[in-house]
Amino acid sequence: MDLFLEIVGWSAMGMILIGYFLISTNKVDSRNITYQLLNLVGSILFVIYLSIKEAWASVGLNAAWAIIALFSLWAIFTKKKKEDFGNNSDKS
């Protein structure tokens, strides 16, 4: 169990760092689905890992990070749906 838990923690860190690298090097912007998914999955994995470690302040930070990523993904998909709807209505 300890090895599995450490893999979860390291995977979470890796996902968030990859996302940060991508945005810091202008490979993606904040509206990129991959970037937001890396943040969401990484932060959820950190919430699990840190809850077991009882690091509550970090659990709170990562829970907030996950909520922000969810909100951002919702905004991205809502905008895409509106754009798709606008493009489809122009064809008729």
Protein backbone atom coordinates (compact mmCIF):
# COMPACT_ATOMS: atom_id res chain seq x y z
CA MET A 1 0.00 0.00 0.00
CA ASP A 2 2.84 2.39 0.81
CA LEU A 3 4.39 2.00 -2.64
CA PHE A 4 1.02 2.52 -4.33
CA LEU A 5 0.39 5.63 -2.23
CA GLU A 6 3.78 7.06 -3.14
CA ILE A 7 3.11 6.39 -6.84
CA VAL A 8 -0.17 8.32 -6.49
CA GLY A 9 1.66 11.24 -4.84
CA TRP A 10 4.46 11.34 -7.41
CA SER A 11 1.98 11.03 -10.29
CA ALA A 12 -0.01 13.96 -8.90
CA MET A 13 3.11 16.06 -8.64
CA GLY A 14 4.18 15.10 -12.16
CA MET A 15 0.84 16.05 -13.69
CA ILE A 16 0.75 19.46 -12.05
CA LEU A 17 4.39 20.14 -12.94
CA ILE A 18 3.85 19.12 -16.58
CA GLY A 19 0.88 21.47 -16.76
CA TYR A 20 2.91 24.27 -15.20
CA PHE A 21 5.78 23.62 -17.62
CA LEU A 22 3.42 23.69 -20.62
CA ILE A 23 1.85 26.98 -19.63
CA SER A 24 5.14 28.56 -18.53
CA THR A 25 6.78 27.77 -21.86
CA ASN A 26 3.76 28.99 -23.85
CA LYS A 27 3.09 25.52 -25.27
CA VAL A 28 -0.54 25.91 -24.17
CA ASP A 29 -2.71 28.63 -22.71
CA SER A 30 -5.06 28.49 -19.74
CA ARG A 31 -8.02 27.63 -21.99
CA ASN A 32 -6.33 24.39 -23.11
CA ILE A 33 -8.25 21.24 -22.15
CA THR A 34 -5.08 19.18 -21.63
CA TYR A 35 -3.68 21.77 -19.22
CA GLN A 36 -6.89 21.88 -17.20
CA LEU A 37 -7.21 18.08 -17.14
CA LEU A 38 -3.63 17.76 -15.88
CA ASN A 39 -4.48 20.19 -13.08
CA LEU A 40 -7.77 18.46 -12.28
CA VAL A 41 -6.45 14.89 -12.18
CA GLY A 42 -3.22 15.90 -10.45
CA SER A 43 -5.03 17.84 -7.75
CA ILE A 44 -7.57 15.04 -7.16
CA LEU A 45 -4.72 12.55 -6.79
CA PHE A 46 -3.03 14.95 -4.36
CA VAL A 47 -6.26 15.25 -2.33
CA ILE A 48 -6.32 11.46 -1.98
CA TYR A 49 -2.62 11.21 -1.17
CA LEU A 50 -2.57 14.12 1.27
CA SER A 51 -5.78 13.03 3.01
CA ILE A 52 -4.15 9.73 3.87
CA LYS A 53 -1.07 11.64 5.07
CA GLU A 54 -3.42 13.99 7.03
CA ALA A 55 -1.87 17.12 5.54
CA TRP A 56 -5.09 19.10 5.74
CA ALA A 57 -3.86 22.51 4.58
CA SER A 58 -2.50 20.92 1.42
CA VAL A 59 -5.74 18.96 0.98
CA GLY A 60 -7.60 22.27 1.07
CA LEU A 61 -5.26 23.87 -1.44
CA ASN A 62 -5.57 20.97 -3.87
CA ALA A 63 -9.34 20.72 -3.44
CA ALA A 64 -9.55 24.41 -4.40
CA TRP A 65 -7.20 23.75 -7.33
CA ALA A 66 -9.53 20.95 -8.52
CA ILE A 67 -12.59 23.20 -8.24
CA ILE A 68 -10.86 25.89 -10.28
CA ALA A 69 -9.91 23.33 -12.94
CA LEU A 70 -13.50 22.04 -13.05
CA PHE A 71 -14.85 25.57 -13.42
CA SER A 72 -12.33 26.28 -16.19
CA LEU A 73 -13.22 23.08 -18.05
CA TRP A 74 -16.92 23.89 -17.73
CA ALA A 75 -16.26 27.37 -19.16
CA ILE A 76 -14.20 25.92 -22.04
CA PHE A 77 -16.88 23.37 -22.97
CA THR A 78 -19.71 25.89 -22.59
CA LYS A 79 -17.93 28.30 -24.94
CA LYS A 80 -17.28 25.51 -27.46
CA LYS A 81 -20.93 24.49 -27.42
CA LYS A 82 -21.99 28.08 -28.06
CA GLU A 83 -19.48 28.38 -30.90
CA ASP A 84 -20.59 25.05 -32.40
CA PHE A 85 -24.24 26.09 -32.12
CA GLY A 86 -23.47 29.40 -33.81
CA ASN A 87 -21.59 27.68 -36.64
CA ASN A 88 -24.39 25.15 -37.19
CA SER A 89 -27.11 27.80 -37.30
CA ASP A 90 -25.17 29.74 -39.96
CA LYS A 91 -25.33 26.76 -42.34
CA SER A 92 -29.13 26.67 -42.56
